[in-house]
C-alpha atoms as a PDB file:
ATOM      1  CA  UNK A   1     -71.866  17.414 118.087  1.00  0.00           C
ATOM      2  CA  UNK A   2     -72.939  17.443 114.460  1.00  0.00           C
ATOM      3  CA  UNK A   3     -73.535  13.965 112.990  1.00  0.00           C
ATOM      4  CA  UNK A   4     -71.851  13.085 109.711  1.00  0.00           C
ATOM      5  CA  UNK A   5     -74.202  12.835 106.761  1.00  0.00           C
ATOM      6  CA  UNK A   6     -74.027   9.900 104.370  1.00  0.00           C
ATOM      7  CA  UNK A   7     -72.531  12.167 101.698  1.00  0.00           C
ATOM      8  CA  UNK A   8     -69.743  13.383 104.001  1.00  0.00           C
ATOM      9  CA  UNK A   9     -68.915   9.787 105.041  1.00  0.00           C
ATOM     10  CA  UNK A  10     -68.331   8.583 101.476  1.00  0.00           C
ATOM     11  CA  UNK A  11     -64.802  10.155 101.071  1.00  0.00           C
ATOM     12  CA  UNK A  12     -63.746   8.629 104.388  1.00  0.00           C
ATOM     13  CA  UNK A  13     -65.019   5.227 103.347  1.00  0.00           C
ATOM     14  CA  UNK A  14     -62.988   5.463 100.141  1.00  0.00           C
ATOM     15  CA  UNK A  15     -59.834   6.246 102.174  1.00  0.00           C
ATOM     16  CA  UNK A  16     -60.431   3.459 104.702  1.00  0.00           C
ATOM     17  CA  UNK A  17     -58.592   0.695 102.730  1.00  0.00           C
ATOM     18  CA  UNK A  18     -55.549   2.968 102.371  1.00  0.00           C
ATOM     19  CA  UNK A  19     -55.607   3.812 106.051  1.00  0.00           C
ATOM     20  CA  UNK A  20     -55.702   0.110 106.902  1.00  0.00           C
ATOM     21  CA  UNK A  21     -52.744  -0.588 104.601  1.00  0.00           C
ATOM     22  CA  UNK A  22     -50.639   2.286 105.930  1.00  0.00           C
ATOM     23  CA  UNK A  23     -49.113   0.403 108.931  1.00  0.00           C
ATOM     24  CA  UNK A  24     -48.201  -2.495 106.635  1.00  0.00           C
ATOM     25  CA  UNK A  25     -46.547  -0.175 104.120  1.00  0.00           C
ATOM     26  CA  UNK A  26     -44.568   1.579 106.880  1.00  0.00           C
ATOM     27  CA  UNK A  27     -43.580  -1.803 108.345  1.00  0.00           C
ATOM     28  CA  UNK A  28     -42.367  -3.068 104.969  1.00  0.00           C
ATOM     29  CA  UNK A  29     -40.332   0.104 104.489  1.00  0.00           C
ATOM     30  CA  UNK A  30     -38.690  -0.323 107.876  1.00  0.00           C
ATOM     31  CA  UNK A  31     -37.986  -3.990 107.189  1.00  0.00           C
ATOM     32  CA  UNK A  32     -36.330  -3.135 103.876  1.00  0.00           C
ATOM     33  CA  UNK A  33     -34.241  -0.487 105.653  1.00  0.00           C
ATOM     34  CA  UNK A  34     -33.129  -3.047 108.241  1.00  0.00           C
ATOM     35  CA  UNK A  35     -32.179  -5.525 105.526  1.00  0.00           C
ATOM     36  CA  UNK A  36     -30.073  -2.859 103.832  1.00  0.00           C
ATOM     37  CA  UNK A  37     -28.406  -1.951 107.129  1.00  0.00           C
ATOM     38  CA  UNK A  38     -27.606  -5.554 108.118  1.00  0.00           C
ATOM     39  CA  UNK A  39     -23.931  -6.421 107.648  1.00  0.00           C
ATOM     40  CA  UNK A  40     -23.364  -9.617 105.660  1.00  0.00           C
ATOM     41  CA  UNK A  41     -21.668 -12.469 107.512  1.00  0.00           C
ATOM     42  CA  UNK A  42     -17.883 -12.342 107.151  1.00  0.00           C
ATOM     43  CA  UNK A  43     -16.008 -14.830 104.989  1.00  0.00           C
ATOM     44  CA  UNK A  44     -13.075 -15.747 107.229  1.00  0.00           C
ATOM     45  CA  UNK A  45      -9.676 -17.233 106.461  1.00  0.00           C
ATOM     46  CA  UNK A  46      -7.868 -18.219 109.654  1.00  0.00           C
ATOM     47  CA  UNK A  47      -4.076 -18.468 109.568  1.00  0.00           C
ATOM     48  CA  UNK A  48      -4.001 -19.172 113.319  1.00  0.00           C
ATOM     49  CA  UNK A  49      -4.838 -22.773 114.353  1.00  0.00           C
ATOM     50  CA  UNK A  50      -5.842 -21.759 117.884  1.00  0.00           C
ATOM     51  CA  UNK A  51      -8.196 -19.107 116.501  1.00  0.00           C
ATOM     52  CA  UNK A  52      -9.699 -21.676 114.129  1.00  0.00           C
ATOM     53  CA  UNK A  53     -10.409 -23.908 117.128  1.00  0.00           C
ATOM     54  CA  UNK A  54     -12.087 -21.025 118.924  1.00  0.00           C
ATOM     55  CA  UNK A  55     -14.322 -20.344 115.933  1.00  0.00           C
ATOM     56  CA  UNK A  56     -15.402 -23.991 116.158  1.00  0.00           C
ATOM     57  CA  UNK A  57     -15.934 -23.708 119.926  1.00  0.00           C
ATOM     58  CA  UNK A  58     -18.228 -20.748 119.217  1.00  0.00           C
ATOM     59  CA  UNK A  59     -20.169 -22.835 116.645  1.00  0.00           C
ATOM     60  CA  UNK A  60     -19.351 -20.309 113.917  1.00  0.00           C
ATOM     61  CA  UNK A  61     -17.298 -22.601 111.699  1.00  0.00           C
ATOM     62  CA  UNK A  62     -19.691 -22.007 108.781  1.00  0.00           C
ATOM     63  CA  UNK A  63     -17.934 -18.637 108.381  1.00  0.00           C
ATOM     64  CA  UNK A  64     -14.594 -20.295 107.541  1.00  0.00           C
ATOM     65  CA  UNK A  65     -13.539 -20.290 103.887  1.00  0.00           C
ATOM     66  CA  UNK A  66      -9.826 -21.019 104.410  1.00  0.00           C
ATOM     67  CA  UNK A  67      -7.415 -22.414 107.006  1.00  0.00           C
ATOM     68  CA  UNK A  68      -3.873 -23.710 107.594  1.00  0.00           C
ATOM     69  CA  UNK A  69      -2.506 -27.229 107.362  1.00  0.00           C
ATOM     70  CA  UNK A  70      -2.579 -27.369 111.200  1.00  0.00           C
ATOM     71  CA  UNK A  71      -6.319 -26.637 111.498  1.00  0.00           C
ATOM     72  CA  UNK A  72      -7.400 -30.258 111.880  1.00  0.00           C
ATOM     73  CA  UNK A  73     -11.107 -29.662 112.518  1.00  0.00           C
ATOM     74  CA  UNK A  74     -11.450 -27.371 109.520  1.00  0.00           C
ATOM     75  CA  UNK A  75      -9.526 -29.770 107.280  1.00  0.00           C
ATOM     76  CA  UNK A  76     -11.872 -32.586 108.321  1.00  0.00           C
ATOM     77  CA  UNK A  77     -14.736 -30.344 107.176  1.00  0.00           C
ATOM     78  CA  UNK A  78     -13.034 -29.804 103.793  1.00  0.00           C
ATOM     79  CA  UNK A  79     -12.231 -26.140 104.414  1.00  0.00           C
ATOM     80  CA  UNK A  80      -9.605 -25.187 101.780  1.00  0.00           C
ATOM     81  CA  UNK A  81      -6.006 -25.134 103.027  1.00  0.00           C
ATOM     82  CA  UNK A  82      -4.264 -21.887 102.033  1.00  0.00           C
ATOM     83  CA  UNK A  83      -0.870 -22.574 103.633  1.00  0.00           C
ATOM     84  CA  UNK A  84       0.808 -23.394 106.923  1.00  0.00           C
ATOM     85  CA  UNK A  85       0.838 -21.283 110.069  1.00  0.00           C
ATOM     86  CA  UNK A  86       3.969 -19.559 108.723  1.00  0.00           C
ATOM     87  CA  UNK A  87       3.845 -19.703 104.912  1.00  0.00           C
ATOM     88  CA  UNK A  88       0.762 -18.647 102.976  1.00  0.00           C
ATOM     89  CA  UNK A  89      -0.263 -19.248  99.376  1.00  0.00           C
ATOM     90  CA  UNK A  90      -1.472 -15.712  98.730  1.00  0.00           C
ATOM     91  CA  UNK A  91      -3.085 -16.458  95.373  1.00  0.00           C
ATOM     92  CA  UNK A  92      -5.011 -19.403  96.795  1.00  0.00           C
ATOM     93  CA  UNK A  93      -6.060 -17.378  99.836  1.00  0.00           C
ATOM     94  CA  UNK A  94      -7.444 -14.492  97.774  1.00  0.00           C
ATOM     95  CA  UNK A  95      -9.241 -16.997  95.525  1.00  0.00           C
ATOM     96  CA  UNK A  96     -11.443 -17.915  98.513  1.00  0.00           C
ATOM     97  CA  UNK A  97     -12.869 -14.360  98.397  1.00  0.00           C
ATOM     98  CA  UNK A  98     -12.433 -13.664 102.133  1.00  0.00           C
ATOM     99  CA  UNK A  99     -13.643 -10.449 103.701  1.00  0.00           C
ATOM    100  CA  UNK A 100     -11.594 -11.030 106.852  1.00  0.00           C
ATOM    101  CA  UNK A 101      -8.283 -12.770 107.551  1.00  0.00           C
ATOM    102  CA  UNK A 102      -7.056 -13.742 111.011  1.00  0.00           C
ATOM    103  CA  UNK A 103      -3.245 -13.591 111.105  1.00  0.00           C
ATOM    104  CA  UNK A 104      -0.622 -14.288 113.760  1.00  0.00           C
ATOM    105  CA  UNK A 105       2.820 -13.076 114.821  1.00  0.00           C
ATOM    106  CA  UNK A 106       4.230 -15.642 112.384  1.00  0.00           C
ATOM    107  CA  UNK A 107       2.350 -14.327 109.342  1.00  0.00           C
ATOM    108  CA  UNK A 108       4.689 -12.693 106.840  1.00  0.00           C
ATOM    109  CA  UNK A 109       4.264  -8.877 106.992  1.00  0.00           C
ATOM    110  CA  UNK A 110       4.354  -8.799 103.181  1.00  0.00           C
ATOM    111  CA  UNK A 111       1.385 -11.166 103.109  1.00  0.00           C
ATOM    112  CA  UNK A 112      -0.530  -8.873 105.463  1.00  0.00           C
ATOM    113  CA  UNK A 113       0.300  -5.813 103.317  1.00  0.00           C
ATOM    114  CA  UNK A 114      -0.758  -7.603 100.140  1.00  0.00           C
ATOM    115  CA  UNK A 115      -4.090  -8.596 101.680  1.00  0.00           C
ATOM    116  CA  UNK A 116      -4.775  -5.088 102.948  1.00  0.00           C
ATOM    117  CA  UNK A 117      -3.862  -3.638  99.530  1.00  0.00           C
ATOM    118  CA  UNK A 118      -6.415  -6.030  98.046  1.00  0.00           C
ATOM    119  CA  UNK A 119      -9.064  -4.501 100.307  1.00  0.00           C
ATOM    120  CA  UNK A 120      -9.226  -7.446 102.707  1.00  0.00           C
ATOM    121  CA  UNK A 121      -9.404  -6.699 106.431  1.00  0.00           C
ATOM    122  CA  UNK A 122      -6.666  -8.360 108.487  1.00  0.00           C
ATOM    123  CA  UNK A 123      -6.730  -8.821 112.260  1.00  0.00           C
ATOM    124  CA  UNK A 124      -3.426  -9.968 113.746  1.00  0.00           C
ATOM    125  CA  UNK A 125      -3.410 -11.911 117.010  1.00  0.00           C
ATOM    126  CA  UNK A 126      -0.456 -12.195 119.369  1.00  0.00           C
ATOM    127  CA  UNK A 127       0.266 -15.310 121.405  1.00  0.00           C
ATOM    128  CA  UNK A 128      -1.554 -14.877 124.752  1.00  0.00           C
ATOM    129  CA  UNK A 129       0.792 -14.270 127.676  1.00  0.00           C
ATOM    130  CA  UNK A 130      -1.648 -15.466 130.348  1.00  0.00           C
ATOM    131  CA  UNK A 131      -4.947 -17.220 130.912  1.00  0.00           C
ATOM    132  CA  UNK A 132      -6.595 -13.801 131.241  1.00  0.00           C
ATOM    133  CA  UNK A 133      -5.229 -12.922 127.800  1.00  0.00           C
ATOM    134  CA  UNK A 134      -6.660 -16.172 126.392  1.00  0.00           C
ATOM    135  CA  UNK A 135     -10.098 -15.187 127.683  1.00  0.00           C
ATOM    136  CA  UNK A 136      -9.768 -11.656 126.301  1.00  0.00           C
ATOM    137  CA  UNK A 137      -8.875 -13.053 122.882  1.00  0.00           C
ATOM    138  CA  UNK A 138     -11.856 -15.407 122.990  1.00  0.00           C
ATOM    139  CA  UNK A 139     -14.177 -12.511 123.749  1.00  0.00           C
ATOM    140  CA  UNK A 140     -12.670 -10.503 120.884  1.00  0.00           C
ATOM    141  CA  UNK A 141     -13.215 -13.341 118.415  1.00  0.00           C
ATOM    142  CA  UNK A 142     -16.742 -13.913 119.730  1.00  0.00           C
ATOM    143  CA  UNK A 143     -17.640 -10.252 119.223  1.00  0.00           C
ATOM    144  CA  UNK A 144     -16.359 -10.363 115.633  1.00  0.00           C
ATOM    145  CA  UNK A 145     -18.410 -13.449 114.736  1.00  0.00           C
ATOM    146  CA  UNK A 146     -21.487 -12.351 116.680  1.00  0.00           C
ATOM    147  CA  UNK A 147     -21.340 -14.956 119.439  1.00  0.00           C
ATOM    148  CA  UNK A 148     -20.625 -12.907 122.572  1.00  0.00           C
ATOM    149  CA  UNK A 149     -23.493 -14.373 124.603  1.00  0.00           C
ATOM    150  CA  UNK A 150     -22.386 -17.909 123.820  1.00  0.00           C
ATOM    151  CA  UNK A 151     -18.788 -17.042 124.733  1.00  0.00           C
ATOM    152  CA  UNK A 152     -19.769 -15.616 128.113  1.00  0.00           C
ATOM    153  CA  UNK A 153     -21.823 -18.702 128.963  1.00  0.00           C
ATOM    154  CA  UNK A 154     -18.940 -20.976 127.984  1.00  0.00           C
ATOM    155  CA  UNK A 155     -16.363 -18.931 129.901  1.00  0.00           C
ATOM    156  CA  UNK A 156     -18.498 -18.975 133.039  1.00  0.00           C
ATOM    157  CA  UNK A 157     -18.552 -22.773 132.938  1.00  0.00           C
ATOM    158  CA  UNK A 158     -14.847 -23.105 132.078  1.00  0.00           C
ATOM    159  CA  UNK A 159     -13.777 -20.644 134.769  1.00  0.00           C
ATOM    160  CA  UNK A 160     -15.781 -22.520 137.368  1.00  0.00           C
ATOM    161  CA  UNK A 161     -13.841 -25.640 136.412  1.00  0.00           C
ATOM    162  CA  UNK A 162     -10.496 -23.789 136.427  1.00  0.00           C
ATOM    163  CA  UNK A 163     -11.185 -22.396 139.905  1.00  0.00           C
ATOM    164  CA  UNK A 164     -12.098 -25.854 141.183  1.00  0.00           C
ATOM    165  CA  UNK A 165      -8.870 -27.341 139.818  1.00  0.00           C
ATOM    166  CA  UNK A 166      -6.820 -24.510 141.320  1.00  0.00           C
ATOM    167  CA  UNK A 167      -8.387 -25.132 144.735  1.00  0.00           C
ATOM    168  CA  UNK A 168      -7.762 -28.860 144.407  1.00  0.00           C
ATOM    169  CA  UNK A 169      -4.102 -28.302 143.543  1.00  0.00           C
ATOM    170  CA  UNK A 170      -3.604 -25.721 146.279  1.00  0.00           C
ATOM    171  CA  UNK A 171      -4.894 -28.222 148.846  1.00  0.00           C
ATOM    172  CA  UNK A 172      -2.510 -30.943 147.655  1.00  0.00           C
ATOM    173  CA  UNK A 173       0.480 -31.266 150.045  1.00  0.00           C
ATOM    174  CA  UNK A 174       3.001 -31.732 147.207  1.00  0.00           C
ATOM    175  CA  UNK A 175       4.002 -28.545 145.323  1.00  0.00           C
ATOM    176  CA  UNK A 176       6.944 -29.652 143.195  1.00  0.00           C
ATOM    177  CA  UNK A 177       9.434 -27.666 141.162  1.00  0.00           C
ATOM    178  CA  UNK A 178       8.397 -28.148 137.538  1.00  0.00           C
ATOM    179  CA  UNK A 179       9.726 -27.599 134.045  1.00  0.00           C
ATOM    180  CA  UNK A 180       7.455 -27.478 130.999  1.00  0.00           C
ATOM    181  CA  UNK A 181       9.440 -28.410 127.921  1.00  0.00           C
ATOM    182  CA  UNK A 182       8.298 -26.944 124.617  1.00  0.00           C
ATOM    183  CA  UNK A 183      11.187 -28.362 122.560  1.00  0.00           C
ATOM    184  CA  UNK A 184      14.369 -30.258 123.439  1.00  0.00           C
ATOM    185  CA  UNK A 185      16.931 -29.471 120.733  1.00  0.00           C
ATOM    186  CA  UNK A 186      17.355 -26.557 121.106  1.00  0.00           C
ATOM    187  CA  UNK A 187      15.833 -26.523 124.566  1.00  0.00           C
ATOM    188  CA  UNK A 188      12.830 -24.261 125.123  1.00  0.00           C
ATOM    189  CA  UNK A 189      10.713 -24.083 128.251  1.00  0.00           C
ATOM    190  CA  UNK A 190       7.660 -22.189 129.443  1.00  0.00           C
ATOM    191  CA  UNK A 191       8.842 -18.786 130.644  1.00  0.00           C
ATOM    192  CA  UNK A 192       7.013 -16.424 132.974  1.00  0.00           C
ATOM    193  CA  UNK A 193       5.691 -14.418 130.009  1.00  0.00           C
ATOM    194  CA  UNK A 194       3.580 -17.254 128.594  1.00  0.00           C
ATOM    195  CA  UNK A 195       0.152 -18.662 129.422  1.00  0.00           C
ATOM    196  CA  UNK A 196       1.959 -21.945 130.116  1.00  0.00           C
ATOM    197  CA  UNK A 197       3.345 -20.361 133.263  1.00  0.00           C
ATOM    198  CA  UNK A 198      -0.258 -20.051 134.463  1.00  0.00           C
ATOM    199  CA  UNK A 199      -0.754 -23.745 133.748  1.00  0.00           C
ATOM    200  CA  UNK A 200       2.239 -24.543 135.960  1.00  0.00           C
ATOM    201  CA  UNK A 201       1.211 -22.285 138.835  1.00  0.00           C
ATOM    202  CA  UNK A 202      -2.488 -23.218 138.625  1.00  0.00           C
ATOM    203  CA  UNK A 203      -1.422 -26.866 138.940  1.00  0.00           C
ATOM    204  CA  UNK A 204       0.182 -26.076 142.278  1.00  0.00           C
ATOM    205  CA  UNK A 205       3.773 -26.282 140.981  1.00  0.00           C
ATOM    206  CA  UNK A 206       6.660 -23.824 140.980  1.00  0.00           C
ATOM    207  CA  UNK A 207       8.072 -22.947 137.578  1.00  0.00           C
ATOM    208  CA  UNK A 208      11.871 -23.354 137.591  1.00  0.00           C
ATOM    209  CA  UNK A 209      12.047 -20.817 134.732  1.00  0.00           C
ATOM    210  CA  UNK A 210      11.989 -17.485 136.510  1.00  0.00           C
ATOM    211  CA  UNK A 211      12.650 -15.204 133.564  1.00  0.00           C
ATOM    212  CA  UNK A 212      10.506 -13.841 130.744  1.00  0.00           C
ATOM    213  CA  UNK A 213      11.329 -14.086 127.065  1.00  0.00           C
ATOM    214  CA  UNK A 214      11.220 -16.900 124.525  1.00  0.00           C
ATOM    215  CA  UNK A 215      12.245 -19.546 127.058  1.00  0.00           C
ATOM    216  CA  UNK A 216      15.409 -20.797 125.345  1.00  0.00           C
ATOM    217  CA  UNK A 217      17.584 -22.422 128.000  1.00  0.00           C
ATOM    218  CA  UNK A 218      20.643 -24.571 128.503  1.00  0.00           C
ATOM    219  CA  UNK A 219      20.477 -28.092 129.889  1.00  0.00           C
ATOM    220  CA  UNK A 220      22.882 -26.917 132.583  1.00  0.00           C
ATOM    221  CA  UNK A 221      20.292 -24.421 133.810  1.00  0.00           C
ATOM    222  CA  UNK A 222      17.637 -27.130 134.116  1.00  0.00           C
ATOM    223  CA  UNK A 223      20.058 -29.467 135.922  1.00  0.00           C
ATOM    224  CA  UNK A 224      20.944 -26.687 138.343  1.00  0.00           C
ATOM    225  CA  UNK A 225      17.278 -25.895 139.082  1.00  0.00           C
ATOM    226  CA  UNK A 226      16.586 -29.635 139.541  1.00  0.00           C
ATOM    227  CA  UNK A 227      12.884 -29.957 138.617  1.00  0.00           C
ATOM    228  CA  UNK A 228      10.864 -32.647 140.372  1.00  0.00           C
ATOM    229  CA  UNK A 229       8.367 -32.934 137.502  1.00  0.00           C
ATOM    230  CA  UNK A 230       8.846 -32.639 133.747  1.00  0.00           C
ATOM    231  CA  UNK A 231       5.824 -31.625 131.678  1.00  0.00           C
ATOM    232  CA  UNK A 232       6.731 -32.711 128.141  1.00  0.00           C
ATOM    233  CA  UNK A 233       4.785 -31.202 125.245  1.00  0.00           C
ATOM    234  CA  UNK A 234       4.621 -33.658 122.357  1.00  0.00           C
ATOM    235  CA  UNK A 235       4.060 -32.206 118.913  1.00  0.00           C
ATOM    236  CA  UNK A 236       2.718 -34.425 116.146  1.00  0.00           C
ATOM    237  CA  UNK A 237       4.689 -37.436 117.330  1.00  0.00           C
ATOM    238  CA  UNK A 238       7.988 -35.545 117.532  1.00  0.00           C
ATOM    239  CA  UNK A 239      10.672 -37.295 119.540  1.00  0.00           C
ATOM    240  CA  UNK A 240      11.831 -33.946 120.914  1.00  0.00           C
ATOM    241  CA  UNK A 241       9.185 -34.243 123.614  1.00  0.00           C
ATOM    242  CA  UNK A 242       9.920 -37.828 124.614  1.00  0.00           C
ATOM    243  CA  UNK A 243      11.237 -39.167 127.905  1.00  0.00           C
ATOM    244  CA  UNK A 244      14.261 -40.716 126.159  1.00  0.00           C
ATOM    245  CA  UNK A 245      15.694 -37.242 125.588  1.00  0.00           C
ATOM    246  CA  UNK A 246      16.117 -36.817 129.336  1.00  0.00           C
ATOM    247  CA  UNK A 247      17.487 -40.206 130.383  1.00  0.00           C
ATOM    248  CA  UNK A 248      21.117 -39.094 130.319  1.00  0.00           C
ATOM    249  CA  UNK A 249      20.450 -36.375 132.926  1.00  0.00           C
ATOM    250  CA  UNK A 250      20.398 -38.763 135.863  1.00  0.00           C
ATOM    251  CA  UNK A 251      21.164 -36.060 138.420  1.00  0.00           C
ATOM    252  CA  UNK A 252      17.762 -34.423 137.871  1.00  0.00           C
ATOM    253  CA  UNK A 253      15.205 -35.519 140.472  1.00  0.00           C
ATOM    254  CA  UNK A 254      12.378 -35.807 137.919  1.00  0.00           C
ATOM    255  CA  UNK A 255      14.541 -38.147 135.811  1.00  0.00           C
ATOM    256  CA  UNK A 256      15.482 -40.280 138.822  1.00  0.00           C
ATOM    257  CA  UNK A 257      11.818 -40.673 139.748  1.00  0.00           C
ATOM    258  CA  UNK A 258      10.568 -40.955 136.142  1.00  0.00           C
ATOM    259  CA  UNK A 259       8.276 -38.025 136.873  1.00  0.00           C
ATOM    260  CA  UNK A 260       7.293 -37.342 133.264  1.00  0.00           C
ATOM    261  CA  UNK A 261       3.902 -35.943 132.356  1.00  0.00           C
ATOM    262  CA  UNK A 262       3.346 -35.927 128.568  1.00  0.00           C
ATOM    263  CA  UNK A 263       1.003 -33.240 127.270  1.00  0.00           C
ATOM    264  CA  UNK A 264      -0.393 -33.271 123.707  1.00  0.00           C
ATOM    265  CA  UNK A 265       0.807 -30.298 121.711  1.00  0.00           C
ATOM    266  CA  UNK A 266      -2.497 -29.967 119.877  1.00  0.00           C
ATOM    267  CA  UNK A 267      -3.991 -28.968 123.240  1.00  0.00           C
ATOM    268  CA  UNK A 268      -1.225 -27.140 125.102  1.00  0.00           C
ATOM    269  CA  UNK A 269       0.319 -25.357 122.124  1.00  0.00           C
ATOM    270  CA  UNK A 270      -2.985 -24.002 120.810  1.00  0.00           C
ATOM    271  CA  UNK A 271      -4.251 -21.627 123.501  1.00  0.00           C
ATOM    272  CA  UNK A 272      -8.025 -21.549 123.813  1.00  0.00           C
ATOM    273  CA  UNK A 273     -10.106 -21.437 127.013  1.00  0.00           C
ATOM    274  CA  UNK A 274     -11.209 -25.043 126.462  1.00  0.00           C
ATOM    275  CA  UNK A 275      -7.681 -26.258 125.748  1.00  0.00           C
ATOM    276  CA  UNK A 276      -6.360 -24.452 128.820  1.00  0.00           C
ATOM    277  CA  UNK A 277      -8.737 -26.177 131.204  1.00  0.00           C
ATOM    278  CA  UNK A 278      -8.230 -29.522 129.451  1.00  0.00           C
ATOM    279  CA  UNK A 279      -4.447 -29.206 129.872  1.00  0.00           C
ATOM    280  CA  UNK A 280      -4.856 -28.176 133.499  1.00  0.00           C
ATOM    281  CA  UNK A 281      -7.033 -31.232 134.068  1.00  0.00           C
ATOM    282  CA  UNK A 282      -4.347 -33.530 132.594  1.00  0.00           C
ATOM    283  CA  UNK A 283      -1.678 -31.959 134.815  1.00  0.00           C
ATOM    284  CA  UNK A 284      -3.895 -32.168 137.893  1.00  0.00           C
ATOM    285  CA  UNK A 285      -4.697 -35.811 137.247  1.00  0.00           C
ATOM    286  CA  UNK A 286      -1.003 -36.652 136.948  1.00  0.00           C
ATOM    287  CA  UNK A 287       0.003 -34.757 140.088  1.00  0.00           C
ATOM    288  CA  UNK A 288      -2.839 -36.331 142.085  1.00  0.00           C
ATOM    289  CA  UNK A 289      -1.813 -39.919 141.341  1.00  0.00           C
END
């Protein structure tokens, strides 16, 4: 092999600094490409209180730039209120410069159209019909906000607790007929097409409402089915969920035995995985007394 002379080595020595810098230059180019390709974090307005709670559960509340008057956690953090769960101040909402809006079945279709025409992405959520649907919705939200790993870890822990409560309730000798009241006047109860039906069955009870739909019923129907337990959802101090509403129905077994289990609406009426297991725990505790 021919040895390099000093004269032939000089050009290589001149190129050596450039050769040493080459990996750094390539690395910087790749880094700049990655920065360009990274999607900026979404600016989210949530018009669904239960979805707002799930964003908090996922520790992604910093993404919120707007909420409803029912989103208590967000309001406490001074997130701007852009309306209620039903009515939206469109001008105020758009002023928050959102890139993504979470809407519900109750959101006015004209509001959704106006937002989409303004170039704002809208994702509309339906009310979950089961506990499985609650979990699916949680996973969907987690994927959007980039917290899928956290969601799976949380769901594993929550599901372990749900399974334990189900086993506990199945082993209990008393499996009463139950009615879960959503409102009293007019009367609405948890039908078979709601996640609340899962709460009733997971608690070891039998739901006296055997039909799907919105759950509007007559008092005569409830008297005829004769529930042994009344789960009463209370909403923001409303008297419609109180025991006094039922006192005149003395022929109902639950009324005779004062078998009333109050459930806070801010938990039961806002379906999240955490709220579901918390509600199931309250029901289990009552039935185990």
